[in-house]
Amino acid sequence: MPIKLDPVLADLRSWQPRACSISKALEIVGQRSSLLIMREAFFGTRRFDLFVERVGVTEAVAAARLRQLTEAGLLRREPYKEPGSRTRHEYVLTDMGADLMPAVLALKDWGDTHLQEGGGPLALVEDGTGAPVRVGYLTEDGREVSPDDLRMAVRRRSARG
């Protein structure tokens, strides 16, 4: 079930895929280790050695991905110092980084449904009730919409930009 296209987009040659936001996002988080580092940041991991351990990558890969995610603005470095040790840095989610969470949770939902018999090892639940939570499609006023009722439209820009 493909997403319906606005009449302006019906001829796919009318827009350029290289301007696509999905493509731009994947330039930043398109590597497996980048998304897994972000997963760990969502779970509260902040220290370099824990990212290495929890993601299962080498220190060189972790350093490169953390640098890339920091330069892109998803994480920020904050200094900390333990008694008797030199100053080190930990990695803290920015608002931009936290805004990626629904996309990562959508990947989790998809993997739970299609790749894990009986669902995955972790369940996302509402804190107060324990009720299961899933990623969905919501209008700006909070109404849930079925994928069958979606349409991709050209964004109308204001005269200012």
N, C-alpha and C. Protein backbone atom coordinates (compact mmCIF):
# COMPACT_ATOMS: atom_id res chain seq x y z
N MET A 1 0.83 -1.17 0.00
CA MET A 1 0.00 0.00 0.00
C MET A 1 0.88 1.24 0.00
N PRO A 2 1.21 1.74 -1.16
CA PRO A 2 2.02 2.97 -1.22
C PRO A 2 1.23 4.18 -0.76
N ILE A 3 1.93 5.21 -0.34
CA ILE A 3 1.29 6.47 0.06
C ILE A 3 0.77 7.15 -1.20
N LYS A 4 -0.44 7.65 -1.12
CA LYS A 4 -1.01 8.40 -2.24
C LYS A 4 -0.19 9.67 -2.44
N LEU A 5 -0.11 10.11 -3.68
CA LEU A 5 0.65 11.32 -4.00
C LEU A 5 -0.28 12.43 -4.43
N ASP A 6 0.04 13.64 -4.00
CA ASP A 6 -0.63 14.84 -4.45
C ASP A 6 -0.56 14.86 -5.98
N PRO A 7 -1.54 15.41 -6.66
CA PRO A 7 -1.46 15.46 -8.13
C PRO A 7 -0.17 16.10 -8.65
N VAL A 8 0.35 17.10 -7.92
CA VAL A 8 1.61 17.74 -8.34
C VAL A 8 2.76 16.74 -8.32
N LEU A 9 2.70 15.77 -7.38
CA LEU A 9 3.77 14.78 -7.26
C LEU A 9 3.51 13.53 -8.08
N ALA A 10 2.33 13.39 -8.66
CA ALA A 10 1.98 12.16 -9.37
C ALA A 10 3.02 11.81 -10.42
N ASP A 11 3.56 12.83 -11.08
CA ASP A 11 4.70 12.60 -11.98
C ASP A 11 5.94 12.72 -11.11
N LEU A 12 6.53 11.59 -10.74
CA LEU A 12 7.65 11.59 -9.79
C LEU A 12 8.84 12.39 -10.28
N ARG A 13 8.85 12.74 -11.54
CA ARG A 13 9.96 13.56 -12.06
C ARG A 13 9.78 15.04 -11.70
N SER A 14 8.66 15.39 -11.04
CA SER A 14 8.40 16.79 -10.73
C SER A 14 9.14 17.28 -9.48
N TRP A 15 9.79 16.39 -8.75
CA TRP A 15 10.58 16.79 -7.58
C TRP A 15 11.87 15.99 -7.56
N GLN A 16 12.87 16.52 -6.89
CA GLN A 16 14.19 15.91 -6.89
C GLN A 16 14.43 15.14 -5.60
N PRO A 17 14.67 13.83 -5.69
CA PRO A 17 14.90 13.02 -4.49
C PRO A 17 16.09 13.50 -3.66
N ARG A 18 17.07 14.14 -4.25
CA ARG A 18 18.24 14.56 -3.47
C ARG A 18 17.88 15.66 -2.47
N ALA A 19 16.73 16.31 -2.66
CA ALA A 19 16.27 17.31 -1.70
C ALA A 19 15.42 16.68 -0.60
N CYS A 20 15.23 15.37 -0.66
CA CYS A 20 14.37 14.65 0.27
C CYS A 20 14.94 14.67 1.69
N SER A 21 14.08 14.93 2.66
CA SER A 21 14.50 14.96 4.06
C SER A 21 14.97 13.60 4.54
N ILE A 22 14.41 12.51 4.00
CA ILE A 22 14.86 11.17 4.38
C ILE A 22 16.33 11.00 3.99
N SER A 23 16.68 11.42 2.79
CA SER A 23 18.06 11.32 2.33
C SER A 23 19.00 12.13 3.22
N LYS A 24 18.58 13.34 3.56
CA LYS A 24 19.42 14.20 4.42
C LYS A 24 19.58 13.59 5.81
N ALA A 25 18.51 13.01 6.35
CA ALA A 25 18.59 12.38 7.67
C ALA A 25 19.53 11.18 7.64
N LEU A 26 19.46 10.38 6.57
CA LEU A 26 20.31 9.20 6.48
C LEU A 26 21.79 9.55 6.34
N GLU A 27 22.09 10.73 5.83
CA GLU A 27 23.48 11.17 5.79
C GLU A 27 24.05 11.27 7.20
N ILE A 28 23.21 11.54 8.17
CA ILE A 28 23.65 11.68 9.56
C ILE A 28 23.53 10.37 10.33
N VAL A 29 22.40 9.69 10.23
CA VAL A 29 22.13 8.52 11.07
C VAL A 29 21.97 7.23 10.28
N GLY A 30 22.43 7.21 9.04
CA GLY A 30 22.21 6.06 8.19
C GLY A 30 23.07 4.84 8.49
N GLN A 31 24.06 4.97 9.33
CA GLN A 31 24.89 3.81 9.67
C GLN A 31 24.32 3.13 10.91
N ARG A 32 24.37 1.81 10.89
CA ARG A 32 23.83 1.01 12.00
C ARG A 32 24.34 1.51 13.35
N SER A 33 25.64 1.75 13.45
CA SER A 33 26.20 2.15 14.74
C SER A 33 25.69 3.52 15.18
N SER A 34 25.37 4.40 14.25
CA SER A 34 24.83 5.72 14.61
C SER A 34 23.47 5.57 15.27
N LEU A 35 22.60 4.76 14.68
CA LEU A 35 21.27 4.57 15.26
C LEU A 35 21.36 3.84 16.59
N LEU A 36 22.28 2.90 16.72
CA LEU A 36 22.41 2.19 17.99
C LEU A 36 22.99 3.10 19.08
N ILE A 37 23.87 4.00 18.72
CA ILE A 37 24.35 4.99 19.69
C ILE A 37 23.20 5.88 20.13
N MET A 38 22.35 6.29 19.19
CA MET A 38 21.20 7.10 19.55
C MET A 38 20.24 6.30 20.44
N ARG A 39 20.03 5.01 20.14
CA ARG A 39 19.20 4.16 21.00
C ARG A 39 19.72 4.20 22.43
N GLU A 40 21.02 4.04 22.57
CA GLU A 40 21.62 4.04 23.91
C GLU A 40 21.49 5.41 24.58
N ALA A 41 21.62 6.47 23.81
CA ALA A 41 21.44 7.81 24.38
C ALA A 41 20.01 7.98 24.88
N PHE A 42 19.02 7.44 24.14
CA PHE A 42 17.63 7.50 24.60
C PHE A 42 17.46 6.73 25.90
N PHE A 43 18.23 5.67 26.10
CA PHE A 43 18.15 4.85 27.32
C PHE A 43 18.98 5.43 28.45
N GLY A 44 19.67 6.56 28.20
CA GLY A 44 20.40 7.23 29.27
C GLY A 44 21.91 7.04 29.26
N THR A 45 22.44 6.31 28.30
CA THR A 45 23.90 6.15 28.22
C THR A 45 24.51 7.51 27.88
N ARG A 46 25.59 7.84 28.56
CA ARG A 46 26.26 9.13 28.34
C ARG A 46 27.77 9.01 28.20
N ARG A 47 28.34 7.93 28.69
CA ARG A 47 29.79 7.79 28.74
C ARG A 47 30.32 6.97 27.56
N PHE A 48 31.47 7.39 27.06
CA PHE A 48 32.08 6.78 25.88
C PHE A 48 32.23 5.27 26.03
N ASP A 49 32.80 4.83 27.16
CA ASP A 49 33.06 3.39 27.32
C ASP A 49 31.77 2.57 27.32
N LEU A 50 30.69 3.14 27.82
CA LEU A 50 29.41 2.43 27.79
C LEU A 50 28.83 2.36 26.38
N PHE A 51 29.02 3.42 25.59
CA PHE A 51 28.58 3.35 24.19
C PHE A 51 29.34 2.23 23.47
N VAL A 52 30.64 2.14 23.68
CA VAL A 52 31.45 1.09 23.05
C VAL A 52 30.92 -0.28 23.44
N GLU A 53 30.72 -0.48 24.73
CA GLU A 53 30.26 -1.77 25.25
C GLU A 53 28.85 -2.11 24.78
N ARG A 54 27.91 -1.18 24.93
CA ARG A 54 26.50 -1.46 24.65
C ARG A 54 26.20 -1.59 23.16
N VAL A 55 26.93 -0.84 22.33
CA VAL A 55 26.70 -0.90 20.88
C VAL A 55 27.52 -2.03 20.26
N GLY A 56 28.61 -2.42 20.91
CA GLY A 56 29.42 -3.51 20.39
C GLY A 56 30.30 -3.10 19.22
N VAL A 57 30.87 -1.90 19.31
CA VAL A 57 31.76 -1.39 18.27
C VAL A 57 33.13 -1.10 18.87
N THR A 58 34.08 -0.89 18.00
CA THR A 58 35.41 -0.54 18.47
C THR A 58 35.41 0.90 18.99
N GLU A 59 36.43 1.24 19.75
CA GLU A 59 36.56 2.61 20.23
C GLU A 59 36.67 3.59 19.07
N ALA A 60 37.36 3.19 18.01
CA ALA A 60 37.51 4.08 16.84
C ALA A 60 36.17 4.36 16.18
N VAL A 61 35.35 3.33 16.03
CA VAL A 61 34.02 3.51 15.42
C VAL A 61 33.15 4.37 16.33
N ALA A 62 33.14 4.09 17.62
CA ALA A 62 32.34 4.87 18.56
C ALA A 62 32.77 6.34 18.53
N ALA A 63 34.07 6.58 18.52
CA ALA A 63 34.57 7.96 18.50
C ALA A 63 34.13 8.68 17.23
N ALA A 64 34.21 8.00 16.10
CA ALA A 64 33.81 8.62 14.83
C ALA A 64 32.31 8.92 14.81
N ARG A 65 31.50 7.97 15.26
CA ARG A 65 30.04 8.18 15.25
C ARG A 65 29.64 9.26 16.25
N LEU A 66 30.21 9.23 17.45
CA LEU A 66 29.89 10.26 18.44
C LEU A 66 30.29 11.65 17.95
N ARG A 67 31.42 11.73 17.27
CA ARG A 67 31.86 13.02 16.70
C ARG A 67 30.86 13.48 15.65
N GLN A 68 30.44 12.56 14.76
CA GLN A 68 29.49 12.90 13.70
C GLN A 68 28.14 13.34 14.30
N LEU A 69 27.65 12.61 15.28
CA LEU A 69 26.36 12.94 15.88
C LEU A 69 26.43 14.25 16.65
N THR A 70 27.58 14.54 17.24
CA THR A 70 27.78 15.80 17.96
C THR A 70 27.85 16.96 16.98
N GLU A 71 28.63 16.80 15.92
CA GLU A 71 28.74 17.86 14.91
C GLU A 71 27.40 18.15 14.24
N ALA A 72 26.56 17.11 14.09
CA ALA A 72 25.24 17.28 13.47
C ALA A 72 24.23 17.90 14.43
N GLY A 73 24.56 17.94 15.73
CA GLY A 73 23.69 18.57 16.69
C GLY A 73 22.73 17.65 17.43
N LEU A 74 22.90 16.32 17.30
CA LEU A 74 22.02 15.38 17.99
C LEU A 74 22.47 15.12 19.43
N LEU A 75 23.77 15.25 19.66
CA LEU A 75 24.35 15.10 20.99
C LEU A 75 25.23 16.31 21.26
N ARG A 76 25.47 16.58 22.54
CA ARG A 76 26.46 17.60 22.90
C ARG A 76 27.39 17.01 23.94
N ARG A 77 28.63 17.47 23.92
CA ARG A 77 29.62 17.00 24.89
C ARG A 77 29.59 17.90 26.12
N GLU A 78 29.60 17.24 27.30
CA GLU A 78 29.67 17.98 28.55
C GLU A 78 30.82 17.41 29.37
N PRO A 79 31.66 18.27 29.94
CA PRO A 79 32.78 17.78 30.74
C PRO A 79 32.31 17.23 32.09
N TYR A 80 33.03 16.23 32.54
CA TYR A 80 32.83 15.72 33.90
C TYR A 80 34.18 15.27 34.41
N LYS A 81 34.31 15.20 35.72
CA LYS A 81 35.58 14.77 36.31
C LYS A 81 35.28 13.95 37.55
N GLU A 82 35.82 12.75 37.56
CA GLU A 82 35.72 11.91 38.75
C GLU A 82 36.94 12.16 39.61
N PRO A 83 36.80 12.05 40.93
CA PRO A 83 37.93 12.32 41.83
C PRO A 83 39.17 11.53 41.43
N GLY A 84 40.28 12.23 41.33
CA GLY A 84 41.55 11.59 41.01
C GLY A 84 41.76 11.29 39.53
N SER A 85 40.83 11.69 38.69
CA SER A 85 40.93 11.43 37.25
C SER A 85 40.96 12.74 36.48
N ARG A 86 41.38 12.65 35.24
CA ARG A 86 41.38 13.82 34.38
C ARG A 86 39.96 14.13 33.92
N THR A 87 39.75 15.33 33.42
CA THR A 87 38.45 15.72 32.89
C THR A 87 38.15 14.92 31.63
N ARG A 88 36.95 14.39 31.56
CA ARG A 88 36.48 13.65 30.39
C ARG A 88 35.18 14.31 29.92
N HIS A 89 34.64 13.78 28.84
CA HIS A 89 33.38 14.30 28.32
C HIS A 89 32.35 13.19 28.23
N GLU A 90 31.11 13.55 28.51
CA GLU A 90 30.00 12.63 28.30
C GLU A 90 29.11 13.24 27.22
N TYR A 91 28.23 12.42 26.68
CA TYR A 91 27.41 12.82 25.55
C TYR A 91 25.96 12.88 25.99
N VAL A 92 25.35 14.05 25.78
CA VAL A 92 24.00 14.33 26.25
C VAL A 92 23.11 14.61 25.05
N LEU A 93 21.90 14.05 25.07
CA LEU A 93 20.93 14.31 24.01
C LEU A 93 20.58 15.79 23.94
N THR A 94 20.50 16.32 22.73
CA THR A 94 19.96 17.66 22.52
C THR A 94 18.48 17.50 22.17
N ASP A 95 17.78 18.61 22.05
CA ASP A 95 16.39 18.55 21.61
C ASP A 95 16.30 17.92 20.22
N MET A 96 17.24 18.26 19.35
CA MET A 96 17.26 17.69 18.01
C MET A 96 17.43 16.17 18.08
N GLY A 97 18.30 15.71 18.94
CA GLY A 97 18.51 14.27 19.10
C GLY A 97 17.29 13.58 19.66
N ALA A 98 16.65 14.20 20.67
CA ALA A 98 15.45 13.61 21.26
C ALA A 98 14.32 13.52 20.24
N ASP A 99 14.28 14.44 19.29
CA ASP A 99 13.25 14.42 18.25
C ASP A 99 13.39 13.23 17.30
N LEU A 100 14.53 12.55 17.32
CA LEU A 100 14.73 11.36 16.49
C LEU A 100 14.09 10.12 17.12
N MET A 101 13.74 10.20 18.40
CA MET A 101 13.23 9.02 19.11
C MET A 101 12.04 8.34 18.42
N PRO A 102 11.03 9.05 17.94
CA PRO A 102 9.93 8.34 17.29
C PRO A 102 10.36 7.50 16.08
N ALA A 103 11.35 7.98 15.34
CA ALA A 103 11.83 7.22 14.18
C ALA A 103 12.51 5.93 14.63
N VAL A 104 13.30 6.01 15.69
CA VAL A 104 13.98 4.82 16.21
C VAL A 104 12.96 3.86 16.81
N LEU A 105 11.97 4.40 17.51
CA LEU A 105 10.93 3.53 18.08
C LEU A 105 10.07 2.91 16.99
N ALA A 106 9.88 3.60 15.87
CA ALA A 106 9.16 3.01 14.74
C ALA A 106 9.95 1.82 14.18
N LEU A 107 11.27 1.94 14.11
CA LEU A 107 12.10 0.80 13.70
C LEU A 107 11.97 -0.36 14.68
N LYS A 108 11.90 -0.05 15.98
CA LYS A 108 11.71 -1.08 16.99
C LYS A 108 10.37 -1.79 16.77
N ASP A 109 9.30 -1.01 16.59
CA ASP A 109 7.98 -1.60 16.35
C ASP A 109 8.00 -2.51 15.12
N TRP A 110 8.61 -2.05 14.05
CA TRP A 110 8.69 -2.82 12.82
C TRP A 110 9.47 -4.12 13.05
N GLY A 111 10.60 -4.02 13.73
CA GLY A 111 11.40 -5.21 14.04
C GLY A 111 10.66 -6.17 14.94
N ASP A 112 9.95 -5.65 15.96
CA ASP A 112 9.16 -6.51 16.84
C ASP A 112 8.10 -7.28 16.06
N THR A 113 7.47 -6.61 15.10
CA THR A 113 6.38 -7.23 14.33
C THR A 113 6.90 -8.21 13.29
N HIS A 114 7.97 -7.86 12.59
CA HIS A 114 8.37 -8.64 11.42
C HIS A 114 9.63 -9.48 11.60
N LEU A 115 10.42 -9.23 12.63
CA LEU A 115 11.70 -9.92 12.76
C LEU A 115 11.86 -10.70 14.06
N GLN A 116 10.95 -10.55 14.98
CA GLN A 116 11.05 -11.21 16.29
C GLN A 116 9.81 -12.05 16.52
N GLU A 117 9.97 -13.34 16.59
CA GLU A 117 8.83 -14.20 16.87
C GLU A 117 8.31 -13.90 18.28
N GLY A 118 7.04 -13.55 18.37
CA GLY A 118 6.45 -13.22 19.66
C GLY A 118 6.79 -11.83 20.15
N GLY A 119 7.37 -10.99 19.32
CA GLY A 119 7.73 -9.63 19.71
C GLY A 119 9.15 -9.56 20.22
N GLY A 120 9.66 -8.36 20.36
CA GLY A 120 11.04 -8.15 20.79
C GLY A 120 11.19 -8.27 22.30
N PRO A 121 12.43 -8.14 22.78
CA PRO A 121 12.71 -8.31 24.21
C PRO A 121 12.25 -7.14 25.07
N LEU A 122 12.02 -5.98 24.46
CA LEU A 122 11.61 -4.80 25.22
C LEU A 122 10.23 -4.34 24.75
N ALA A 123 9.44 -3.84 25.67
CA ALA A 123 8.13 -3.30 25.34
C ALA A 123 8.09 -1.84 25.77
N LEU A 124 7.57 -0.98 24.92
CA LEU A 124 7.36 0.41 25.26
C LEU A 124 5.99 0.52 25.91
N VAL A 125 5.95 1.04 27.13
CA VAL A 125 4.69 1.13 27.86
C VAL A 125 4.55 2.51 28.48
N GLU A 126 3.32 2.89 28.75
CA GLU A 126 3.05 4.14 29.45
C GLU A 126 3.51 3.99 30.90
N ASP A 127 4.26 4.94 31.38
CA ASP A 127 4.85 4.84 32.72
C ASP A 127 3.81 4.64 33.81
N GLY A 128 2.76 5.42 33.79
CA GLY A 128 1.78 5.38 34.87
C GLY A 128 0.89 4.16 34.88
N THR A 129 0.59 3.61 33.69
CA THR A 129 -0.39 2.51 33.61
C THR A 129 0.20 1.18 33.18
N GLY A 130 1.36 1.22 32.52
CA GLY A 130 1.94 0.00 31.97
C GLY A 130 1.29 -0.43 30.67
N ALA A 131 0.39 0.40 30.13
CA ALA A 131 -0.29 0.09 28.87
C ALA A 131 0.69 0.18 27.71
N PRO A 132 0.64 -0.77 26.77
CA PRO A 132 1.54 -0.73 25.61
C PRO A 132 1.35 0.56 24.80
N VAL A 133 2.45 1.06 24.25
CA VAL A 133 2.45 2.26 23.42
C VAL A 133 3.13 1.91 22.11
N ARG A 134 2.62 2.46 21.02
CA ARG A 134 3.23 2.25 19.71
C ARG A 134 3.34 3.58 18.98
N VAL A 135 4.17 3.62 17.98
CA VAL A 135 4.33 4.82 17.16
C VAL A 135 3.19 4.82 16.15
N GLY A 136 2.64 5.99 15.87
CA GLY A 136 1.54 6.08 14.91
C GLY A 136 1.57 7.38 14.15
N TYR A 137 0.51 7.61 13.40
CA TYR A 137 0.36 8.82 12.59
C TYR A 137 -0.67 9.71 13.26
N LEU A 138 -0.27 10.93 13.62
CA LEU A 138 -1.17 11.86 14.28
C LEU A 138 -1.25 13.17 13.51
N THR A 139 -2.43 13.76 13.48
CA THR A 139 -2.57 15.09 12.92
C THR A 139 -2.02 16.09 13.94
N GLU A 140 -1.87 17.33 13.53
CA GLU A 140 -1.35 18.34 14.46
C GLU A 140 -2.23 18.50 15.69
N ASP A 141 -3.52 18.21 15.57
CA ASP A 141 -4.41 18.34 16.73
C ASP A 141 -4.52 17.04 17.54
N GLY A 142 -3.68 16.03 17.20
CA GLY A 142 -3.59 14.81 18.00
C GLY A 142 -4.51 13.67 17.59
N ARG A 143 -5.23 13.81 16.51
CA ARG A 143 -6.12 12.75 16.04
C ARG A 143 -5.31 11.69 15.29
N GLU A 144 -5.54 10.40 15.61
CA GLU A 144 -4.81 9.33 14.92
C GLU A 144 -5.38 9.13 13.52
N VAL A 145 -4.50 8.86 12.56
CA VAL A 145 -4.87 8.70 11.16
C VAL A 145 -4.35 7.35 10.68
N SER A 146 -5.13 6.64 9.90
CA SER A 146 -4.73 5.37 9.31
C SER A 146 -3.75 5.62 8.17
N PRO A 147 -2.80 4.71 7.95
CA PRO A 147 -1.91 4.86 6.79
C PRO A 147 -2.67 4.95 5.47
N ASP A 148 -3.84 4.32 5.40
CA ASP A 148 -4.65 4.39 4.18
C ASP A 148 -5.17 5.79 3.91
N ASP A 149 -5.18 6.64 4.93
CA ASP A 149 -5.70 8.00 4.79
C ASP A 149 -4.60 9.04 4.64
N LEU A 150 -3.40 8.61 4.33
CA LEU A 150 -2.28 9.54 4.17
C LEU A 150 -2.09 9.91 2.70
N ARG A 151 -1.55 11.10 2.47
CA ARG A 151 -1.21 11.55 1.12
C ARG A 151 0.02 12.43 1.23
N MET A 152 0.98 12.25 0.36
CA MET A 152 2.18 13.09 0.33
C MET A 152 1.88 14.30 -0.53
N ALA A 153 2.05 15.49 0.04
CA ALA A 153 1.73 16.73 -0.65
C ALA A 153 2.96 17.63 -0.70
N VAL A 154 2.95 18.54 -1.64
CA VAL A 154 4.02 19.52 -1.74
C VAL A 154 3.81 20.53 -0.61
N ARG A 155 4.88 20.79 0.13
CA ARG A 155 4.81 21.76 1.21
C ARG A 155 4.70 23.16 0.61
N ARG A 156 3.72 23.86 1.06
CA ARG A 156 3.52 25.24 0.60
C ARG A 156 4.38 26.15 1.45
N ARG A 157 5.24 26.90 0.83
CA ARG A 157 6.13 27.82 1.55
C ARG A 157 5.50 29.20 1.60
N SER A 158 5.74 29.89 2.70
CA SER A 158 5.23 31.27 2.80
C SER A 158 6.10 32.17 1.92
N ALA A 159 5.63 33.37 1.69
CA ALA A 159 6.37 34.32 0.86
C ALA A 159 7.73 34.65 1.46
N ARG A 160 7.86 34.51 2.80
CA ARG A 160 9.13 34.81 3.47
C ARG A 160 10.14 33.69 3.32
N GLY A 161 9.73 32.49 3.00
CA GLY A 161 10.74 31.45 2.89
C GLY A 161 10.22 30.17 3.27
